[in-house]
C-alpha atoms as a PDB file:
ATOM      1  CA  MET A   1      72.547  64.422  37.336  1.00  0.00           C
ATOM      2  CA  TYR A   2      75.021  61.545  37.489  1.00  0.00           C
ATOM      3  CA  ALA A   3      78.092  60.678  39.562  1.00  0.00           C
ATOM      4  CA  PHE A   4      81.358  62.449  38.732  1.00  0.00           C
ATOM      5  CA  GLU A   5      84.491  63.610  40.501  1.00  0.00           C
ATOM      6  CA  VAL A   6      85.402  67.251  41.140  1.00  0.00           C
ATOM      7  CA  GLU A   7      88.980  68.497  41.423  1.00  0.00           C
ATOM      8  CA  ARG A   8      89.848  71.988  42.663  1.00  0.00           C
ATOM      9  CA  PRO A   9      93.448  72.792  41.686  1.00  0.00           C
ATOM     10  CA  SER A  10      95.044  75.929  43.100  1.00  0.00           C
ATOM     11  CA  THR A  11      97.539  76.537  40.273  1.00  0.00           C
ATOM     12  CA  ILE A  12      97.363  76.636  36.487  1.00  0.00           C
ATOM     13  CA  ALA A  13      99.925  73.842  36.256  1.00  0.00           C
ATOM     14  CA  ASP A  14      97.817  71.578  38.461  1.00  0.00           C
ATOM     15  CA  ALA A  15      94.704  72.366  36.441  1.00  0.00           C
ATOM     16  CA  VAL A  16      96.420  71.517  33.162  1.00  0.00           C
ATOM     17  CA  SER A  17      97.678  68.264  34.675  1.00  0.00           C
ATOM     18  CA  ALA A  18      94.205  67.351  35.921  1.00  0.00           C
ATOM     19  CA  LEU A  19      92.675  68.030  32.511  1.00  0.00           C
ATOM     20  CA  LYS A  20      94.938  65.368  30.987  1.00  0.00           C
ATOM     21  CA  GLY A  21      92.862  62.764  32.792  1.00  0.00           C
ATOM     22  CA  GLU A  22      90.423  60.634  30.847  1.00  0.00           C
ATOM     23  CA  GLU A  23      87.092  62.402  30.221  1.00  0.00           C
ATOM     24  CA  ALA A  24      88.071  65.444  32.306  1.00  0.00           C
ATOM     25  CA  GLN A  25      86.493  68.805  31.583  1.00  0.00           C
ATOM     26  CA  ALA A  26      87.236  72.322  32.823  1.00  0.00           C
ATOM     27  CA  LEU A  27      84.598  74.060  34.949  1.00  0.00           C
ATOM     28  CA  GLY A  28      84.439  77.835  35.220  1.00  0.00           C
ATOM     29  CA  GLY A  29      81.299  79.342  36.718  1.00  0.00           C
ATOM     30  CA  GLY A  30      79.211  76.449  35.396  1.00  0.00           C
ATOM     31  CA  GLN A  31      76.461  78.665  34.008  1.00  0.00           C
ATOM     32  CA  THR A  32      76.443  76.711  30.748  1.00  0.00           C
ATOM     33  CA  LEU A  33      78.064  73.429  31.724  1.00  0.00           C
ATOM     34  CA  ILE A  34      75.847  72.526  34.695  1.00  0.00           C
ATOM     35  CA  PRO A  35      72.571  72.732  32.705  1.00  0.00           C
ATOM     36  CA  THR A  36      74.295  70.713  29.974  1.00  0.00           C
ATOM     37  CA  LEU A  37      75.199  68.007  32.504  1.00  0.00           C
ATOM     38  CA  LYS A  38      71.648  67.943  33.820  1.00  0.00           C
ATOM     39  CA  GLN A  39      70.381  67.228  30.324  1.00  0.00           C
ATOM     40  CA  ARG A  40      73.086  64.548  29.823  1.00  0.00           C
ATOM     41  CA  LEU A  41      74.365  66.405  26.756  1.00  0.00           C
ATOM     42  CA  ALA A  42      77.829  66.097  28.294  1.00  0.00           C
ATOM     43  CA  MET A  43      78.986  63.418  30.726  1.00  0.00           C
ATOM     44  CA  PRO A  44      82.606  63.991  31.801  1.00  0.00           C
ATOM     45  CA  SER A  45      83.869  61.725  34.551  1.00  0.00           C
ATOM     46  CA  THR A  46      85.829  64.564  36.217  1.00  0.00           C
ATOM     47  CA  LEU A  47      85.202  68.288  36.466  1.00  0.00           C
ATOM     48  CA  VAL A  48      88.268  70.442  37.023  1.00  0.00           C
ATOM     49  CA  SER A  49      87.144  73.641  38.753  1.00  0.00           C
ATOM     50  CA  LEU A  50      89.190  76.730  37.864  1.00  0.00           C
ATOM     51  CA  THR A  51      87.613  79.019  40.445  1.00  0.00           C
ATOM     52  CA  SER A  52      90.246  78.415  43.155  1.00  0.00           C
ATOM     53  CA  ILE A  53      93.209  79.503  41.017  1.00  0.00           C
ATOM     54  CA  GLY A  54      94.223  82.913  42.338  1.00  0.00           C
ATOM     55  CA  GLU A  55      96.552  83.714  39.431  1.00  0.00           C
ATOM     56  CA  MET A  56      93.560  83.497  37.062  1.00  0.00           C
ATOM     57  CA  GLN A  57      91.459  86.068  38.896  1.00  0.00           C
ATOM     58  CA  GLY A  58      91.299  89.840  38.922  1.00  0.00           C
ATOM     59  CA  VAL A  59      91.601  92.879  36.661  1.00  0.00           C
ATOM     60  CA  CYS A  60      94.687  95.019  36.128  1.00  0.00           C
ATOM     61  CA  VAL A  61      96.188  97.430  33.601  1.00  0.00           C
ATOM     62  CA  GLY A  62      99.370  96.283  31.866  1.00  0.00           C
ATOM     63  CA  ASP A  63     102.446  98.329  31.044  1.00  0.00           C
ATOM     64  CA  ASP A  64     101.116  98.803  27.504  1.00  0.00           C
ATOM     65  CA  GLY A  65      97.811 100.199  28.800  1.00  0.00           C
ATOM     66  CA  ALA A  66      95.803  97.074  28.001  1.00  0.00           C
ATOM     67  CA  VAL A  67      93.217  95.862  30.499  1.00  0.00           C
ATOM     68  CA  CYS A  68      94.195  92.355  31.607  1.00  0.00           C
ATOM     69  CA  ILE A  69      91.487  90.097  33.027  1.00  0.00           C
ATOM     70  CA  GLY A  70      92.129  86.699  34.557  1.00  0.00           C
ATOM     71  CA  GLY A  71      90.262  83.831  32.934  1.00  0.00           C
ATOM     72  CA  ALA A  72      88.487  82.879  36.176  1.00  0.00           C
ATOM     73  CA  THR A  73      87.269  86.423  36.862  1.00  0.00           C
ATOM     74  CA  THR A  74      83.500  86.747  37.248  1.00  0.00           C
ATOM     75  CA  HIS A  75      81.356  89.102  35.218  1.00  0.00           C
ATOM     76  CA  ALA A  76      80.473  91.027  38.392  1.00  0.00           C
ATOM     77  CA  THR A  77      84.147  91.610  39.159  1.00  0.00           C
ATOM     78  CA  VAL A  78      84.798  92.834  35.619  1.00  0.00           C
ATOM     79  CA  ALA A  79      81.815  95.192  35.885  1.00  0.00           C
ATOM     80  CA  ALA A  80      83.205  96.715  39.071  1.00  0.00           C
ATOM     81  CA  ALA A  81      86.985  96.540  38.590  1.00  0.00           C
ATOM     82  CA  ALA A  82      87.178  97.591  34.920  1.00  0.00           C
ATOM     83  CA  ALA A  83      84.796 100.535  35.213  1.00  0.00           C
ATOM     84  CA  GLY A  84      87.622 103.054  35.418  1.00  0.00           C
ATOM     85  CA  SER A  85      89.958 101.526  32.852  1.00  0.00           C
ATOM     86  CA  TYR A  86      87.539 100.230  30.192  1.00  0.00           C
ATOM     87  CA  PRO A  87      84.031 101.594  30.869  1.00  0.00           C
ATOM     88  CA  ALA A  88      82.396 100.067  27.785  1.00  0.00           C
ATOM     89  CA  LEU A  89      83.584  96.569  28.676  1.00  0.00           C
ATOM     90  CA  ALA A  90      82.552  96.998  32.310  1.00  0.00           C
ATOM     91  CA  ALA A  91      79.103  98.199  31.269  1.00  0.00           C
ATOM     92  CA  MET A  92      78.714  95.189  28.987  1.00  0.00           C
ATOM     93  CA  ALA A  93      79.656  92.821  31.820  1.00  0.00           C
ATOM     94  CA  SER A  94      77.180  94.522  34.162  1.00  0.00           C
ATOM     95  CA  HIS A  95      74.262  93.521  31.920  1.00  0.00           C
ATOM     96  CA  ILE A  96      75.123  89.854  31.359  1.00  0.00           C
ATOM     97  CA  GLY A  97      72.329  87.610  32.639  1.00  0.00           C
ATOM     98  CA  ASP A  98      71.102  88.353  36.152  1.00  0.00           C
ATOM     99  CA  PRO A  99      73.001  88.913  39.437  1.00  0.00           C
ATOM    100  CA  ALA A 100      73.303  85.170  40.074  1.00  0.00           C
ATOM    101  CA  VAL A 101      74.876  84.611  36.651  1.00  0.00           C
ATOM    102  CA  ARG A 102      77.178  87.613  36.974  1.00  0.00           C
ATOM    103  CA  ASN A 103      78.485  86.434  40.336  1.00  0.00           C
ATOM    104  CA  ARG A 104      79.214  82.886  39.105  1.00  0.00           C
ATOM    105  CA  GLY A 105      79.946  83.091  35.390  1.00  0.00           C
ATOM    106  CA  THR A 106      83.511  83.837  34.270  1.00  0.00           C
ATOM    107  CA  ILE A 107      85.025  85.543  31.259  1.00  0.00           C
ATOM    108  CA  GLY A 108      87.161  82.493  30.454  1.00  0.00           C
ATOM    109  CA  GLY A 109      84.176  80.180  30.601  1.00  0.00           C
ATOM    110  CA  SER A 110      82.155  82.416  28.311  1.00  0.00           C
ATOM    111  CA  LEU A 111      84.907  82.689  25.709  1.00  0.00           C
ATOM    112  CA  ALA A 112      85.747  78.984  25.863  1.00  0.00           C
ATOM    113  CA  ASN A 113      82.095  78.075  25.295  1.00  0.00           C
ATOM    114  CA  ASN A 114      81.633  80.721  22.558  1.00  0.00           C
ATOM    115  CA  ASP A 115      77.843  80.673  22.655  1.00  0.00           C
ATOM    116  CA  PRO A 116      76.554  82.405  19.486  1.00  0.00           C
ATOM    117  CA  SER A 117      74.464  84.795  21.608  1.00  0.00           C
ATOM    118  CA  ALA A 118      76.949  85.525  24.416  1.00  0.00           C
ATOM    119  CA  CYS A 119      78.212  89.051  25.049  1.00  0.00           C
ATOM    120  CA  TYR A 120      81.922  88.483  25.719  1.00  0.00           C
ATOM    121  CA  PRO A 121      82.730  87.176  22.218  1.00  0.00           C
ATOM    122  CA  ALA A 122      81.544  90.512  20.812  1.00  0.00           C
ATOM    123  CA  GLY A 123      83.540  92.422  23.424  1.00  0.00           C
ATOM    124  CA  ALA A 124      86.709  90.454  22.716  1.00  0.00           C
ATOM    125  CA  LEU A 125      86.414  90.531  18.930  1.00  0.00           C
ATOM    126  CA  GLY A 126      85.298  94.172  18.884  1.00  0.00           C
ATOM    127  CA  SER A 127      88.282  95.128  21.046  1.00  0.00           C
ATOM    128  CA  GLY A 128      90.834  93.096  19.118  1.00  0.00           C
ATOM    129  CA  ALA A 129      91.625  91.292  22.365  1.00  0.00           C
ATOM    130  CA  THR A 130      94.288  88.654  22.885  1.00  0.00           C
ATOM    131  CA  ILE A 131      93.227  85.370  24.479  1.00  0.00           C
ATOM    132  CA  VAL A 132      96.085  84.013  26.591  1.00  0.00           C
ATOM    133  CA  THR A 133      96.194  80.301  27.411  1.00  0.00           C
ATOM    134  CA  ASN A 134      98.580  78.060  29.303  1.00  0.00           C
ATOM    135  CA  ASN A 135     100.333  77.415  25.964  1.00  0.00           C
ATOM    136  CA  ARG A 136     100.119  80.527  23.778  1.00  0.00           C
ATOM    137  CA  GLU A 137      98.521  83.845  22.861  1.00  0.00           C
ATOM    138  CA  ILE A 138      95.679  83.897  20.319  1.00  0.00           C
ATOM    139  CA  ALA A 139      94.392  87.015  18.562  1.00  0.00           C
ATOM    140  CA  ALA A 140      90.613  87.358  18.753  1.00  0.00           C
ATOM    141  CA  ASP A 141      90.403  87.374  14.942  1.00  0.00           C
ATOM    142  CA  ASP A 142      91.917  83.876  14.940  1.00  0.00           C
ATOM    143  CA  TYR A 143      90.232  82.576  18.071  1.00  0.00           C
ATOM    144  CA  PHE A 144      86.543  82.476  17.108  1.00  0.00           C
ATOM    145  CA  GLN A 145      85.914  79.762  14.544  1.00  0.00           C
ATOM    146  CA  GLY A 146      82.139  79.349  14.351  1.00  0.00           C
ATOM    147  CA  MET A 147      79.198  78.513  16.573  1.00  0.00           C
ATOM    148  CA  PHE A 148      80.548  77.022  19.831  1.00  0.00           C
ATOM    149  CA  ALA A 149      83.907  76.557  18.053  1.00  0.00           C
ATOM    150  CA  THR A 150      87.227  78.129  19.047  1.00  0.00           C
ATOM    151  CA  ALA A 151      90.954  77.721  18.413  1.00  0.00           C
ATOM    152  CA  LEU A 152      91.445  76.081  21.827  1.00  0.00           C
ATOM    153  CA  ASP A 153      93.082  72.667  21.826  1.00  0.00           C
ATOM    154  CA  GLU A 154      91.990  69.797  24.057  1.00  0.00           C
ATOM    155  CA  GLY A 155      92.921  70.588  27.663  1.00  0.00           C
ATOM    156  CA  GLU A 156      93.967  74.172  26.877  1.00  0.00           C
ATOM    157  CA  VAL A 157      92.919  76.736  29.505  1.00  0.00           C
ATOM    158  CA  ILE A 158      92.203  80.455  29.071  1.00  0.00           C
ATOM    159  CA  THR A 159      94.346  82.066  31.762  1.00  0.00           C
ATOM    160  CA  GLU A 160      93.939  85.736  30.810  1.00  0.00           C
ATOM    161  CA  VAL A 161      92.321  88.048  28.267  1.00  0.00           C
ATOM    162  CA  ARG A 162      94.052  91.295  27.268  1.00  0.00           C
ATOM    163  CA  PHE A 163      91.939  94.154  25.944  1.00  0.00           C
ATOM    164  CA  PRO A 164      93.537  97.128  24.157  1.00  0.00           C
ATOM    165  CA  VAL A 165      91.584 100.177  25.329  1.00  0.00           C
ATOM    166  CA  PRO A 166      89.976 102.150  22.470  1.00  0.00           C
ATOM    167  CA  GLU A 167      89.425 105.888  22.174  1.00  0.00           C
ATOM    168  CA  LYS A 168      85.674 105.309  22.188  1.00  0.00           C
ATOM    169  CA  ALA A 169      83.513 102.200  22.555  1.00  0.00           C
ATOM    170  CA  ASN A 170      80.032 101.011  23.405  1.00  0.00           C
ATOM    171  CA  TYR A 171      78.031  97.800  23.480  1.00  0.00           C
ATOM    172  CA  GLN A 172      74.340  97.655  22.640  1.00  0.00           C
ATOM    173  CA  LYS A 173      72.268  94.531  23.213  1.00  0.00           C
ATOM    174  CA  PHE A 174      68.727  93.766  22.086  1.00  0.00           C
ATOM    175  CA  VAL A 175      67.836  91.447  24.945  1.00  0.00           C
ATOM    176  CA  GLN A 176      65.947  88.178  24.682  1.00  0.00           C
ATOM    177  CA  PRO A 177      63.915  88.788  27.858  1.00  0.00           C
ATOM    178  CA  ALA A 178      63.709  85.210  29.117  1.00  0.00           C
ATOM    179  CA  SER A 179      67.389  84.250  28.848  1.00  0.00           C
ATOM    180  CA  ARG A 180      68.981  87.729  28.961  1.00  0.00           C
ATOM    181  CA  PHE A 181      71.158  86.614  26.053  1.00  0.00           C
ATOM    182  CA  ALA A 182      71.568  88.922  23.071  1.00  0.00           C
ATOM    183  CA  LEU A 183      69.015  88.504  20.323  1.00  0.00           C
ATOM    184  CA  VAL A 184      71.524  90.785  18.616  1.00  0.00           C
ATOM    185  CA  GLY A 185      74.426  92.540  20.313  1.00  0.00           C
ATOM    186  CA  VAL A 186      76.954  94.933  18.767  1.00  0.00           C
ATOM    187  CA  PHE A 187      80.269  96.092  20.234  1.00  0.00           C
ATOM    188  CA  ALA A 188      81.728  99.084  18.381  1.00  0.00           C
ATOM    189  CA  ALA A 189      85.195 100.424  19.198  1.00  0.00           C
ATOM    190  CA  LYS A 190      87.191 103.272  17.662  1.00  0.00           C
ATOM    191  CA  TYR A 191      90.993 102.999  17.770  1.00  0.00           C
ATOM    192  CA  ALA A 192      93.629 105.324  16.384  1.00  0.00           C
ATOM    193  CA  ASN A 193      94.215 102.931  13.484  1.00  0.00           C
ATOM    194  CA  GLY A 194      90.600 102.098  12.675  1.00  0.00           C
ATOM    195  CA  VAL A 195      87.198 100.912  13.871  1.00  0.00           C
ATOM    196  CA  ARG A 196      86.056  97.438  14.884  1.00  0.00           C
ATOM    197  CA  VAL A 197      82.408  96.345  14.901  1.00  0.00           C
ATOM    198  CA  ALA A 198      81.619  92.890  16.295  1.00  0.00           C
ATOM    199  CA  VAL A 199      78.178  91.295  16.199  1.00  0.00           C
ATOM    200  CA  THR A 200      76.822  88.514  18.399  1.00  0.00           C
ATOM    201  CA  GLY A 201      73.453  86.755  18.505  1.00  0.00           C
ATOM    202  CA  ALA A 202      72.727  87.178  14.808  1.00  0.00           C
ATOM    203  CA  SER A 203      74.721  84.719  12.714  1.00  0.00           C
ATOM    204  CA  GLU A 204      74.611  80.943  12.418  1.00  0.00           C
ATOM    205  CA  GLY A 205      78.403  81.175  12.269  1.00  0.00           C
ATOM    206  CA  GLY A 206      78.663  82.864  15.654  1.00  0.00           C
ATOM    207  CA  VAL A 207      80.268  86.214  16.396  1.00  0.00           C
ATOM    208  CA  PHE A 208      81.533  88.145  13.374  1.00  0.00           C
ATOM    209  CA  ARG A 209      82.901  91.527  12.298  1.00  0.00           C
ATOM    210  CA  TRP A 210      80.807  93.793  10.083  1.00  0.00           C
ATOM    211  CA  SER A 211      83.608  94.964   7.818  1.00  0.00           C
ATOM    212  CA  GLU A 212      81.513  97.287   5.639  1.00  0.00           C
ATOM    213  CA  ALA A 213      80.457  99.269   8.693  1.00  0.00           C
ATOM    214  CA  GLU A 214      84.049  99.383   9.946  1.00  0.00           C
ATOM    215  CA  THR A 215      85.214 100.935   6.679  1.00  0.00           C
ATOM    216  CA  ALA A 216      82.436 103.533   6.680  1.00  0.00           C
ATOM    217  CA  LEU A 217      82.925 104.433  10.337  1.00  0.00           C
ATOM    218  CA  ALA A 218      86.701 104.783  10.032  1.00  0.00           C
ATOM    219  CA  SER A 219      86.292 108.104   8.237  1.00  0.00           C
ATOM    220  CA  ASN A 220      83.097 109.218   9.976  1.00  0.00           C
ATOM    221  CA  PHE A 221      82.409 107.720  13.378  1.00  0.00           C
ATOM    222  CA  SER A 222      78.700 108.465  13.505  1.00  0.00           C
ATOM    223  CA  ALA A 223      75.472 106.586  12.851  1.00  0.00           C
ATOM    224  CA  ASP A 224      75.054 108.596   9.647  1.00  0.00           C
ATOM    225  CA  ALA A 225      78.022 106.760   8.143  1.00  0.00           C
ATOM    226  CA  ILE A 226      76.081 103.475   7.989  1.00  0.00           C
ATOM    227  CA  ALA A 227      72.735 104.944   6.935  1.00  0.00           C
ATOM    228  CA  ASP A 228      73.005 103.564   3.396  1.00  0.00           C
ATOM    229  CA  LEU A 229      74.419 100.168   4.404  1.00  0.00           C
ATOM    230  CA  SER A 230      72.425  96.964   4.776  1.00  0.00           C
ATOM    231  CA  VAL A 231      73.153  93.522   6.181  1.00  0.00           C
ATOM    232  CA  SER A 232      72.282  90.367   4.251  1.00  0.00           C
ATOM    233  CA  ALA A 233      69.899  87.942   5.939  1.00  0.00           C
ATOM    234  CA  ASP A 234      71.783  84.995   4.447  1.00  0.00           C
ATOM    235  CA  GLY A 235      73.225  82.869   7.217  1.00  0.00           C
ATOM    236  CA  MET A 236      71.395  84.708   9.969  1.00  0.00           C
ATOM    237  CA  ILE A 237      69.689  82.791  12.790  1.00  0.00           C
ATOM    238  CA  GLY A 238      65.962  82.271  12.422  1.00  0.00           C
ATOM    239  CA  ASP A 239      63.857  81.079  15.354  1.00  0.00           C
ATOM    240  CA  LEU A 240      60.688  81.873  17.291  1.00  0.00           C
ATOM    241  CA  HIS A 241      62.317  85.067  18.602  1.00  0.00           C
ATOM    242  CA  GLY A 242      63.105  86.562  15.214  1.00  0.00           C
ATOM    243  CA  SER A 243      63.545  85.792  11.535  1.00  0.00           C
ATOM    244  CA  PRO A 244      66.882  86.070   9.701  1.00  0.00           C
ATOM    245  CA  ALA A 245      65.666  89.306   8.097  1.00  0.00           C
ATOM    246  CA  TYR A 246      64.708  90.718  11.498  1.00  0.00           C
ATOM    247  CA  ARG A 247      68.116  89.936  12.946  1.00  0.00           C
ATOM    248  CA  ALA A 248      69.846  91.447   9.910  1.00  0.00           C
ATOM    249  CA  HIS A 249      67.840  94.626  10.443  1.00  0.00           C
ATOM    250  CA  LEU A 250      68.743  94.658  14.147  1.00  0.00           C
ATOM    251  CA  VAL A 251      72.464  94.473  13.341  1.00  0.00           C
ATOM    252  CA  LYS A 252      72.268  97.860  11.640  1.00  0.00           C
ATOM    253  CA  VAL A 253      70.016  99.350  14.309  1.00  0.00           C
ATOM    254  CA  MET A 254      72.200  98.223  17.213  1.00  0.00           C
ATOM    255  CA  THR A 255      75.378  99.304  15.436  1.00  0.00           C
ATOM    256  CA  GLY A 256      73.937 102.783  15.005  1.00  0.00           C
ATOM    257  CA  ARG A 257      72.992 102.914  18.671  1.00  0.00           C
ATOM    258  CA  ALA A 258      76.420 101.710  19.790  1.00  0.00           C
ATOM    259  CA  VAL A 259      78.228 104.277  17.667  1.00  0.00           C
ATOM    260  CA  SER A 260      75.956 107.115  18.820  1.00  0.00           C
ATOM    261  CA  ALA A 261      76.390 106.145  22.471  1.00  0.00           C
ATOM    262  CA  ALA A 262      80.172 105.878  22.094  1.00  0.00           C
ATOM    263  CA  ALA A 263      80.512 109.165  20.249  1.00  0.00           C
END
């Protein structure tokens, strides 16, 4: 490691002010950032911890029925507190990493980092969530912009994420056993006005929606509806854990499992 300063603001306004400092970087649970610092892949002079901001923590249900989760809320809290209001999302959070990761990592940190194999991007995109920052509200369809890329501006902080609750939903993850990340993960959600299917872990472009499956499932929400569909291997991740063709095959398999479990 190397020498750096740590600030612990107690309000969103103070955090935003601190992030205006030269070479300052926001710190959520640190599950991605701390290893990055150790490898000197990032070297901010100041870390601005968001974990002491009470207004960015907790889970509640809004007047419109949406589940609202503070940006500094840990995965473990989501797993416990959202179980009654959005079971599929809570179940997804309960299988992120291991207990140590779930008790430190935060939803805001995960979405801000947008790791191509993380679970929350699929949950947010599959739910049609709204990412709320200190400046604006961003629809999930506009928020994710490629591998590790998002619509966030410099110094912008995720303060809350709002999830419309679907009629049915489920998340299925084919786990990479060493990291507990998704080799391929699929979040499928059925709403009154259609179906959303979001895929993580598979594409070089990060999380994406499988539109062909959404169209087929809109009229028949069952695994049979996608039986004749296939996913192209073009642009899929290829590494020692699986080839592009293998990941493309897993997208269909995990989508079928998610739909069957939800239905």
